[in-house]
């Protein structure tokens, strides 16, 4: 599924909670989803990894993210970063 089709799909859904593993692309997608009224939970990879049951693929990752999300009593969810912060952070890593 392309980004355009994913955004179209998300825009047609009722407001819901969307959980995803935090990465640079997830912050952009989180902002887009929030524009359509969805609640976003970005989960750091170290909280998802313990729930990956076998070899890594998209289906298994999705299952692990769902499991990690269901254990809300132990998780602190990542904050969605603003684009300017992500750009500055990326440049810092590139220069060093």
PDB file of N, CA and C in Angstrom:
ATOM      1  N   UNK A   1       0.846  -1.162   0.000  1.00  0.00           N
ATOM      2  CA  UNK A   1       0.000   0.000   0.000  1.00  0.00           C
ATOM      3  C   UNK A   1       0.902   1.239   0.000  1.00  0.00           C
ATOM      4  N   UNK A   2       0.621   2.173  -0.873  1.00  0.00           N
ATOM      5  CA  UNK A   2       1.405   3.404  -0.941  1.00  0.00           C
ATOM      6  C   UNK A   2       0.975   4.365   0.165  1.00  0.00           C
ATOM      7  N   UNK A   3       1.792   5.378   0.395  1.00  0.00           N
ATOM      8  CA  UNK A   3       1.442   6.379   1.414  1.00  0.00           C
ATOM      9  C   UNK A   3       0.127   7.066   1.077  1.00  0.00           C
ATOM     10  N   UNK A   4      -0.066   7.398  -0.201  1.00  0.00           N
ATOM     11  CA  UNK A   4      -1.287   8.093  -0.620  1.00  0.00           C
ATOM     12  C   UNK A   4      -2.512   7.232  -0.327  1.00  0.00           C
ATOM     13  N   UNK A   5      -2.449   5.957  -0.686  1.00  0.00           N
ATOM     14  CA  UNK A   5      -3.584   5.054  -0.439  1.00  0.00           C
ATOM     15  C   UNK A   5      -3.807   4.852   1.059  1.00  0.00           C
ATOM     16  N   UNK A   6      -2.713   4.782   1.822  1.00  0.00           N
ATOM     17  CA  UNK A   6      -2.846   4.625   3.270  1.00  0.00           C
ATOM     18  C   UNK A   6      -3.539   5.841   3.882  1.00  0.00           C
ATOM     19  N   UNK A   7      -3.149   7.040   3.471  1.00  0.00           N
ATOM     20  CA  UNK A   7      -3.776   8.263   3.990  1.00  0.00           C
ATOM     21  C   UNK A   7      -5.242   8.313   3.580  1.00  0.00           C
ATOM     22  N   UNK A   8      -5.551   7.929   2.345  1.00  0.00           N
ATOM     23  CA  UNK A   8      -6.953   7.891   1.903  1.00  0.00           C
ATOM     24  C   UNK A   8      -7.754   6.921   2.763  1.00  0.00           C
ATOM     25  N   UNK A   9      -7.193   5.745   3.035  1.00  0.00           N
ATOM     26  CA  UNK A   9      -7.870   4.748   3.862  1.00  0.00           C
ATOM     27  C   UNK A   9      -8.106   5.290   5.271  1.00  0.00           C
ATOM     28  N   UNK A  10      -7.078   5.883   5.863  1.00  0.00           N
ATOM     29  CA  UNK A  10      -7.188   6.416   7.230  1.00  0.00           C
ATOM     30  C   UNK A  10      -8.205   7.549   7.288  1.00  0.00           C
ATOM     31  N   UNK A  11      -8.257   8.363   6.251  1.00  0.00           N
ATOM     32  CA  UNK A  11      -9.190   9.491   6.248  1.00  0.00           C
ATOM     33  C   UNK A  11     -10.648   9.038   6.216  1.00  0.00           C
ATOM     34  N   UNK A  12     -10.905   7.840   5.735  1.00  0.00           N
ATOM     35  CA  UNK A  12     -12.277   7.332   5.621  1.00  0.00           C
ATOM     36  C   UNK A  12     -12.730   6.564   6.860  1.00  0.00           C
ATOM     37  N   UNK A  13     -11.817   6.296   7.788  1.00  0.00           N
ATOM     38  CA  UNK A  13     -12.148   5.528   8.986  1.00  0.00           C
ATOM     39  C   UNK A  13     -12.636   6.443  10.105  1.00  0.00           C
ATOM     40  N   UNK A  14     -13.479   5.870  10.966  1.00  0.00           N
ATOM     41  CA  UNK A  14     -13.904   6.613  12.159  1.00  0.00           C
ATOM     42  C   UNK A  14     -12.701   6.790  13.083  1.00  0.00           C
ATOM     43  N   UNK A  15     -12.777   7.782  13.947  1.00  0.00           N
ATOM     44  CA  UNK A  15     -11.677   8.024  14.888  1.00  0.00           C
ATOM     45  C   UNK A  15     -11.424   6.788  15.734  1.00  0.00           C
ATOM     46  N   UNK A  16     -10.154   6.428  15.850  1.00  0.00           N
ATOM     47  CA  UNK A  16      -9.761   5.245  16.607  1.00  0.00           C
ATOM     48  C   UNK A  16      -8.348   5.437  17.127  1.00  0.00           C
ATOM     49  N   UNK A  17      -7.854   4.481  17.872  1.00  0.00           N
ATOM     50  CA  UNK A  17      -6.477   4.511  18.342  1.00  0.00           C
ATOM     51  C   UNK A  17      -5.608   3.753  17.355  1.00  0.00           C
ATOM     52  N   UNK A  18      -4.529   4.391  16.921  1.00  0.00           N
ATOM     53  CA  UNK A  18      -3.587   3.773  15.997  1.00  0.00           C
ATOM     54  C   UNK A  18      -2.251   3.689  16.708  1.00  0.00           C
ATOM     55  N   UNK A  19      -1.726   2.476  16.823  1.00  0.00           N
ATOM     56  CA  UNK A  19      -0.427   2.267  17.458  1.00  0.00           C
ATOM     57  C   UNK A  19       0.580   1.883  16.390  1.00  0.00           C
ATOM     58  N   UNK A  20       1.796   2.435  16.510  1.00  0.00           N
ATOM     59  CA  UNK A  20       2.857   2.079  15.575  1.00  0.00           C
ATOM     60  C   UNK A  20       4.202   2.184  16.274  1.00  0.00           C
ATOM     61  N   UNK A  21       5.143   1.428  15.743  1.00  0.00           N
ATOM     62  CA  UNK A  21       6.498   1.471  16.280  1.00  0.00           C
ATOM     63  C   UNK A  21       7.130   2.801  15.902  1.00  0.00           C
ATOM     64  N   UNK A  22       7.736   3.454  16.866  1.00  0.00           N
ATOM     65  CA  UNK A  22       8.320   4.779  16.642  1.00  0.00           C
ATOM     66  C   UNK A  22       9.555   4.680  15.754  1.00  0.00           C
ATOM     67  N   UNK A  23       9.558   5.467  14.700  1.00  0.00           N
ATOM     68  CA  UNK A  23      10.711   5.614  13.812  1.00  0.00           C
ATOM     69  C   UNK A  23      10.526   6.954  13.108  1.00  0.00           C
ATOM     70  N   UNK A  24      11.481   7.335  12.272  1.00  0.00           N
ATOM     71  CA  UNK A  24      11.380   8.664  11.647  1.00  0.00           C
ATOM     72  C   UNK A  24      10.124   8.779  10.785  1.00  0.00           C
ATOM     73  N   UNK A  25       9.741   7.763  10.051  1.00  0.00           N
ATOM     74  CA  UNK A  25       8.545   7.807   9.219  1.00  0.00           C
ATOM     75  C   UNK A  25       7.258   7.788  10.030  1.00  0.00           C
ATOM     76  N   UNK A  26       7.301   7.183  11.198  1.00  0.00           N
ATOM     77  CA  UNK A  26       6.108   7.082  12.036  1.00  0.00           C
ATOM     78  C   UNK A  26       5.663   8.451  12.546  1.00  0.00           C
ATOM     79  N   UNK A  27       6.601   9.354  12.767  1.00  0.00           N
ATOM     80  CA  UNK A  27       6.237  10.687  13.261  1.00  0.00           C
ATOM     81  C   UNK A  27       5.452  11.454  12.199  1.00  0.00           C
ATOM     82  N   UNK A  28       5.857  11.330  10.940  1.00  0.00           N
ATOM     83  CA  UNK A  28       5.127  11.985   9.848  1.00  0.00           C
ATOM     84  C   UNK A  28       3.721  11.392   9.746  1.00  0.00           C
ATOM     85  N   UNK A  29       3.648  10.061   9.757  1.00  0.00           N
ATOM     86  CA  UNK A  29       2.352   9.395   9.635  1.00  0.00           C
ATOM     87  C   UNK A  29       1.454   9.704  10.835  1.00  0.00           C
ATOM     88  N   UNK A  30       2.048   9.803  12.016  1.00  0.00           N
ATOM     89  CA  UNK A  30       1.273  10.134  13.217  1.00  0.00           C
ATOM     90  C   UNK A  30       0.623  11.505  13.090  1.00  0.00           C
ATOM     91  N   UNK A  31       1.364  12.480  12.568  1.00  0.00           N
ATOM     92  CA  UNK A  31       0.787  13.815  12.379  1.00  0.00           C
ATOM     93  C   UNK A  31      -0.364  13.765  11.374  1.00  0.00           C
ATOM     94  N   UNK A  32      -0.207  12.997  10.296  1.00  0.00           N
ATOM     95  CA  UNK A  32      -1.278  12.876   9.294  1.00  0.00           C
ATOM     96  C   UNK A  32      -2.517  12.225   9.905  1.00  0.00           C
ATOM     97  N   UNK A  33      -2.318  11.166  10.668  1.00  0.00           N
ATOM     98  CA  UNK A  33      -3.455  10.469  11.292  1.00  0.00           C
ATOM     99  C   UNK A  33      -4.172  11.371  12.288  1.00  0.00           C
ATOM    100  N   UNK A  34      -3.405  12.148  13.031  1.00  0.00           N
ATOM    101  CA  UNK A  34      -3.998  13.055  14.015  1.00  0.00           C
ATOM    102  C   UNK A  34      -4.864  14.110  13.340  1.00  0.00           C
ATOM    103  N   UNK A  35      -4.494  14.520  12.111  1.00  0.00           N
ATOM    104  CA  UNK A  35      -5.305  15.478  11.368  1.00  0.00           C
ATOM    105  C   UNK A  35      -6.720  14.949  11.119  1.00  0.00           C
ATOM    106  N   UNK A  36      -6.877  13.630  11.047  1.00  0.00           N
ATOM    107  CA  UNK A  36      -8.188  13.019  10.813  1.00  0.00           C
ATOM    108  C   UNK A  36      -8.868  12.604  12.109  1.00  0.00           C
ATOM    109  N   UNK A  37      -8.322  13.014  13.247  1.00  0.00           N
ATOM    110  CA  UNK A  37      -8.983  12.795  14.533  1.00  0.00           C
ATOM    111  C   UNK A  37      -8.637  11.495  15.237  1.00  0.00           C
ATOM    112  N   UNK A  38      -7.637  10.788  14.759  1.00  0.00           N
ATOM    113  CA  UNK A  38      -7.249   9.534  15.402  1.00  0.00           C
ATOM    114  C   UNK A  38      -6.319   9.796  16.580  1.00  0.00           C
ATOM    115  N   UNK A  39      -6.367   8.909  17.577  1.00  0.00           N
ATOM    116  CA  UNK A  39      -5.432   8.975  18.696  1.00  0.00           C
ATOM    117  C   UNK A  39      -4.236   8.104  18.325  1.00  0.00           C
ATOM    118  N   UNK A  40      -3.033   8.623  18.502  1.00  0.00           N
ATOM    119  CA  UNK A  40      -1.822   7.935  18.074  1.00  0.00           C
ATOM    120  C   UNK A  40      -1.008   7.501  19.281  1.00  0.00           C
ATOM    121  N   UNK A  41      -0.488   6.268  19.227  1.00  0.00           N
ATOM    122  CA  UNK A  41       0.442   5.768  20.237  1.00  0.00           C
ATOM    123  C   UNK A  41       1.702   5.317  19.506  1.00  0.00           C
ATOM    124  N   UNK A  42       2.789   6.033  19.721  1.00  0.00           N
ATOM    125  CA  UNK A  42       4.080   5.648  19.164  1.00  0.00           C
ATOM    126  C   UNK A  42       4.821   4.848  20.228  1.00  0.00           C
ATOM    127  N   UNK A  43       5.182   3.638  19.884  1.00  0.00           N
ATOM    128  CA  UNK A  43       5.810   2.753  20.855  1.00  0.00           C
ATOM    129  C   UNK A  43       7.277   2.565  20.490  1.00  0.00           C
ATOM    130  N   UNK A  44       8.192   2.852  21.399  1.00  0.00           N
ATOM    131  CA  UNK A  44       9.610   2.639  21.119  1.00  0.00           C
ATOM    132  C   UNK A  44       9.896   1.169  20.799  1.00  0.00           C
ATOM    133  N   UNK A  45      10.847   0.940  19.910  1.00  0.00           N
ATOM    134  CA  UNK A  45      11.161  -0.413  19.447  1.00  0.00           C
ATOM    135  C   UNK A  45      11.535  -1.350  20.599  1.00  0.00           C
ATOM    136  N   UNK A  46      12.190  -0.840  21.624  1.00  0.00           N
ATOM    137  CA  UNK A  46      12.599  -1.712  22.725  1.00  0.00           C
ATOM    138  C   UNK A  46      11.409  -2.278  23.498  1.00  0.00           C
ATOM    139  N   UNK A  47      10.232  -1.633  23.396  1.00  0.00           N
ATOM    140  CA  UNK A  47       9.031  -2.176  24.038  1.00  0.00           C
ATOM    141  C   UNK A  47       8.328  -3.192  23.143  1.00  0.00           C
ATOM    142  N   UNK A  48       8.559  -3.121  21.851  1.00  0.00           N
ATOM    143  CA  UNK A  48       7.915  -4.046  20.905  1.00  0.00           C
ATOM    144  C   UNK A  48       8.713  -5.339  20.789  1.00  0.00           C
ATOM    145  N   UNK A  49      10.023  -5.239  20.783  1.00  0.00           N
ATOM    146  CA  UNK A  49      10.905  -6.382  20.519  1.00  0.00           C
ATOM    147  C   UNK A  49      10.606  -7.610  21.398  1.00  0.00           C
ATOM    148  N   UNK A  50      10.322  -7.472  22.693  1.00  0.00           N
ATOM    149  CA  UNK A  50      10.058  -8.672  23.505  1.00  0.00           C
ATOM    150  C   UNK A  50       8.841  -9.481  23.040  1.00  0.00           C
ATOM    151  N   UNK A  51       7.956  -8.871  22.269  1.00  0.00           N
ATOM    152  CA  UNK A  51       6.737  -9.556  21.840  1.00  0.00           C
ATOM    153  C   UNK A  51       6.841 -10.147  20.438  1.00  0.00           C
ATOM    154  N   UNK A  52       7.981  -9.980  19.761  1.00  0.00           N
ATOM    155  CA  UNK A  52       8.187 -10.599  18.446  1.00  0.00           C
ATOM    156  C   UNK A  52       8.467 -12.070  18.696  1.00  0.00           C
ATOM    157  N   UNK A  53       7.587 -12.938  18.158  1.00  0.00           N
ATOM    158  CA  UNK A  53       7.632 -14.356  18.509  1.00  0.00           C
ATOM    159  C   UNK A  53       8.553 -15.191  17.630  1.00  0.00           C
ATOM    160  N   UNK A  54       8.819 -14.753  16.422  1.00  0.00           N
ATOM    161  CA  UNK A  54       9.684 -15.539  15.531  1.00  0.00           C
ATOM    162  C   UNK A  54      10.363 -14.589  14.551  1.00  0.00           C
ATOM    163  N   UNK A  55      10.711 -15.091  13.387  1.00  0.00           N
ATOM    164  CA  UNK A  55      11.419 -14.269  12.406  1.00  0.00           C
ATOM    165  C   UNK A  55      10.615 -13.018  12.064  1.00  0.00           C
ATOM    166  N   UNK A  56      11.326 -11.927  11.877  1.00  0.00           N
ATOM    167  CA  UNK A  56      10.702 -10.614  11.686  1.00  0.00           C
ATOM    168  C   UNK A  56      10.074 -10.493  10.308  1.00  0.00           C
ATOM    169  N   UNK A  57       8.784 -10.112  10.266  1.00  0.00           N
ATOM    170  CA  UNK A  57       8.098  -9.688   9.044  1.00  0.00           C
ATOM    171  C   UNK A  57       6.978  -8.738   9.451  1.00  0.00           C
ATOM    172  N   UNK A  58       6.295  -8.165   8.485  1.00  0.00           N
ATOM    173  CA  UNK A  58       5.284  -7.142   8.791  1.00  0.00           C
ATOM    174  C   UNK A  58       4.155  -7.676   9.659  1.00  0.00           C
ATOM    175  N   UNK A  59       3.668  -8.886   9.367  1.00  0.00           N
ATOM    176  CA  UNK A  59       2.549  -9.453  10.127  1.00  0.00           C
ATOM    177  C   UNK A  59       2.956  -9.687  11.585  1.00  0.00           C
ATOM    178  N   UNK A  60       4.132 -10.252  11.781  1.00  0.00           N
ATOM    179  CA  UNK A  60       4.610 -10.528  13.140  1.00  0.00           C
ATOM    180  C   UNK A  60       4.878  -9.228  13.886  1.00  0.00           C
ATOM    181  N   UNK A  61       5.423  -8.225  13.172  1.00  0.00           N
ATOM    182  CA  UNK A  61       5.633  -6.914  13.795  1.00  0.00           C
ATOM    183  C   UNK A  61       4.314  -6.301  14.242  1.00  0.00           C
ATOM    184  N   UNK A  62       3.292  -6.389  13.400  1.00  0.00           N
ATOM    185  CA  UNK A  62       1.976  -5.833  13.747  1.00  0.00           C
ATOM    186  C   UNK A  62       1.405  -6.530  14.977  1.00  0.00           C
ATOM    187  N   UNK A  63       1.568  -7.843  15.046  1.00  0.00           N
ATOM    188  CA  UNK A  63       1.089  -8.594  16.203  1.00  0.00           C
ATOM    189  C   UNK A  63       1.837  -8.163  17.467  1.00  0.00           C
ATOM    190  N   UNK A  64       3.144  -7.959  17.357  1.00  0.00           N
ATOM    191  CA  UNK A  64       3.946  -7.539  18.506  1.00  0.00           C
ATOM    192  C   UNK A  64       3.559  -6.129  18.962  1.00  0.00           C
ATOM    193  N   UNK A  65       3.297  -5.240  18.017  1.00  0.00           N
ATOM    194  CA  UNK A  65       2.878  -3.872  18.359  1.00  0.00           C
ATOM    195  C   UNK A  65       1.533  -3.897  19.070  1.00  0.00           C
ATOM    196  N   UNK A  66       0.606  -4.728  18.574  1.00  0.00           N
ATOM    197  CA  UNK A  66      -0.708  -4.850  19.221  1.00  0.00           C
ATOM    198  C   UNK A  66      -0.564  -5.390  20.645  1.00  0.00           C
ATOM    199  N   UNK A  67       0.290  -6.375  20.815  1.00  0.00           N
ATOM    200  CA  UNK A  67       0.508  -6.943  22.154  1.00  0.00           C
ATOM    201  C   UNK A  67       1.132  -5.919  23.086  1.00  0.00           C
ATOM    202  N   UNK A  68       2.132  -5.194  22.603  1.00  0.00           N
ATOM    203  CA  UNK A  68       2.782  -4.169  23.435  1.00  0.00           C
ATOM    204  C   UNK A  68       1.797  -3.058  23.791  1.00  0.00           C
ATOM    205  N   UNK A  69       0.929  -2.702  22.853  1.00  0.00           N
ATOM    206  CA  UNK A  69      -0.065  -1.651  23.105  1.00  0.00           C
ATOM    207  C   UNK A  69      -1.078  -2.085  24.152  1.00  0.00           C
ATOM    208  N   UNK A  70      -1.422  -3.372  24.149  1.00  0.00           N
ATOM    209  CA  UNK A  70      -2.425  -3.857  25.114  1.00  0.00           C
ATOM    210  C   UNK A  70      -1.889  -3.846  26.544  1.00  0.00           C
ATOM    211  N   UNK A  71      -0.597  -3.735  26.703  1.00  0.00           N
ATOM    212  CA  UNK A  71       0.008  -3.717  28.035  1.00  0.00           C
ATOM    213  C   UNK A  71       0.314  -2.285  28.452  1.00  0.00           C
ATOM    214  N   UNK A  72      -0.721  -1.457  28.447  1.00  0.00           N
ATOM    215  CA  UNK A  72      -0.557  -0.026  28.699  1.00  0.00           C
ATOM    216  C   UNK A  72      -0.089   0.288  30.109  1.00  0.00           C
ATOM    217  N   UNK A  73      -0.250  -0.634  31.045  1.00  0.00           N
ATOM    218  CA  UNK A  73       0.131  -0.335  32.415  1.00  0.00           C
ATOM    219  C   UNK A  73       1.635  -0.222  32.591  1.00  0.00           C
ATOM    220  N   UNK A  74       2.430  -0.709  31.649  1.00  0.00           N
ATOM    221  CA  UNK A  74       3.882  -0.638  31.784  1.00  0.00           C
ATOM    222  C   UNK A  74       4.532   0.271  30.746  1.00  0.00           C
ATOM    223  N   UNK A  75       3.758   0.825  29.841  1.00  0.00           N
ATOM    224  CA  UNK A  75       4.345   1.591  28.745  1.00  0.00           C
ATOM    225  C   UNK A  75       4.200   3.092  28.938  1.00  0.00           C
ATOM    226  N   UNK A  76       5.196   3.807  28.494  1.00  0.00           N
ATOM    227  CA  UNK A  76       5.082   5.245  28.329  1.00  0.00           C
ATOM    228  C   UNK A  76       5.257   5.492  26.843  1.00  0.00           C
ATOM    229  N   UNK A  77       4.308   6.110  26.220  1.00  0.00           N
ATOM    230  CA  UNK A  77       4.308   6.258  24.777  1.00  0.00           C
ATOM    231  C   UNK A  77       5.152   7.442  24.350  1.00  0.00           C
ATOM    232  N   UNK A  78       5.812   7.287  23.201  1.00  0.00           N
ATOM    233  CA  UNK A  78       6.664   8.342  22.661  1.00  0.00           C
ATOM    234  C   UNK A  78       5.848   9.537  22.210  1.00  0.00           C
ATOM    235  N   UNK A  79       6.460  10.671  22.255  1.00  0.00           N
ATOM    236  CA  UNK A  79       5.821  11.910  21.813  1.00  0.00           C
ATOM    237  C   UNK A  79       6.099  12.103  20.329  1.00  0.00           C
ATOM    238  N   UNK A  80       5.126  12.621  19.612  1.00  0.00           N
ATOM    239  CA  UNK A  80       5.317  12.920  18.187  1.00  0.00           C
ATOM    240  C   UNK A  80       6.155  14.186  18.071  1.00  0.00           C
ATOM    241  N   UNK A  81       7.277  14.083  17.403  1.00  0.00           N
ATOM    242  CA  UNK A  81       8.178  15.222  17.268  1.00  0.00           C
ATOM    243  C   UNK A  81       7.752  16.117  16.125  1.00  0.00           C
ATOM    244  N   UNK A  82       8.024  17.391  16.265  1.00  0.00           N
ATOM    245  CA  UNK A  82       7.757  18.353  15.200  1.00  0.00           C
ATOM    246  C   UNK A  82       8.796  18.179  14.102  1.00  0.00           C
ATOM    247  N   UNK A  83       8.430  18.485  12.858  1.00  0.00           N
ATOM    248  CA  UNK A  83       9.357  18.306  11.730  1.00  0.00           C
ATOM    249  C   UNK A  83      10.687  19.035  11.912  1.00  0.00           C
ATOM    250  N   UNK A  84      10.671  20.223  12.493  1.00  0.00           N
ATOM    251  CA  UNK A  84      11.913  20.977  12.675  1.00  0.00           C
ATOM    252  C   UNK A  84      12.865  20.235  13.613  1.00  0.00           C
ATOM    253  N   UNK A  85      12.324  19.629  14.656  1.00  0.00           N
ATOM    254  CA  UNK A  85      13.159  18.881  15.595  1.00  0.00           C
ATOM    255  C   UNK A  85      13.765  17.660  14.920  1.00  0.00           C
ATOM    256  N   UNK A  86      12.967  16.942  14.139  1.00  0.00           N
ATOM    257  CA  UNK A  86      13.466  15.748  13.446  1.00  0.00           C
ATOM    258  C   UNK A  86      14.570  16.128  12.468  1.00  0.00           C
ATOM    259  N   UNK A  87      14.395  17.220  11.749  1.00  0.00           N
ATOM    260  CA  UNK A  87      15.417  17.676  10.801  1.00  0.00           C
ATOM    261  C   UNK A  87      16.709  18.026  11.530  1.00  0.00           C
ATOM    262  N   UNK A  88      16.611  18.769  12.619  1.00  0.00           N
ATOM    263  CA  UNK A  88      17.796  19.152  13.382  1.00  0.00           C
ATOM    264  C   UNK A  88      18.490  17.926  13.962  1.00  0.00           C
ATOM    265  N   UNK A  89      17.720  16.998  14.463  1.00  0.00           N
ATOM    266  CA  UNK A  89      18.271  15.776  15.044  1.00  0.00           C
ATOM    267  C   UNK A  89      18.978  14.949  13.985  1.00  0.00           C
ATOM    268  N   UNK A  90      18.369  14.833  12.792  1.00  0.00           N
ATOM    269  CA  UNK A  90      18.978  14.092  11.691  1.00  0.00           C
ATOM    270  C   UNK A  90      20.287  14.729  11.260  1.00  0.00           C
ATOM    271  N   UNK A  91      20.307  16.057  11.170  1.00  0.00           N
ATOM    272  CA  UNK A  91      21.533  16.747  10.787  1.00  0.00           C
ATOM    273  C   UNK A  91      22.636  16.556  11.827  1.00  0.00           C
ATOM    274  N   UNK A  92      22.258  16.552  13.087  1.00  0.00           N
ATOM    275  CA  UNK A  92      23.233  16.343  14.151  1.00  0.00           C
ATOM    276  C   UNK A  92      23.925  14.993  13.978  1.00  0.00           C
ATOM    277  N   UNK A  93      23.152  13.949  13.677  1.00  0.00           N
ATOM    278  CA  UNK A  93      23.723  12.619  13.493  1.00  0.00           C
ATOM    279  C   UNK A  93      24.534  12.536  12.220  1.00  0.00           C
ATOM    280  N   UNK A  94      24.123  13.244  11.185  1.00  0.00           N
ATOM    281  CA  UNK A  94      24.827  13.218   9.910  1.00  0.00           C
ATOM    282  C   UNK A  94      26.195  13.882  10.028  1.00  0.00           C
ATOM    283  N   UNK A  95      26.253  14.995  10.766  1.00  0.00           N
ATOM    284  CA  UNK A  95      27.496  15.760  10.903  1.00  0.00           C
ATOM    285  C   UNK A  95      28.485  15.035  11.807  1.00  0.00           C
ATOM    286  N   UNK A  96      27.994  14.399  12.855  1.00  0.00           N
ATOM    287  CA  UNK A  96      28.921  13.767  13.815  1.00  0.00           C
ATOM    288  C   UNK A  96      29.404  12.414  13.402  1.00  0.00           C
TER     289      UNK A  96
END
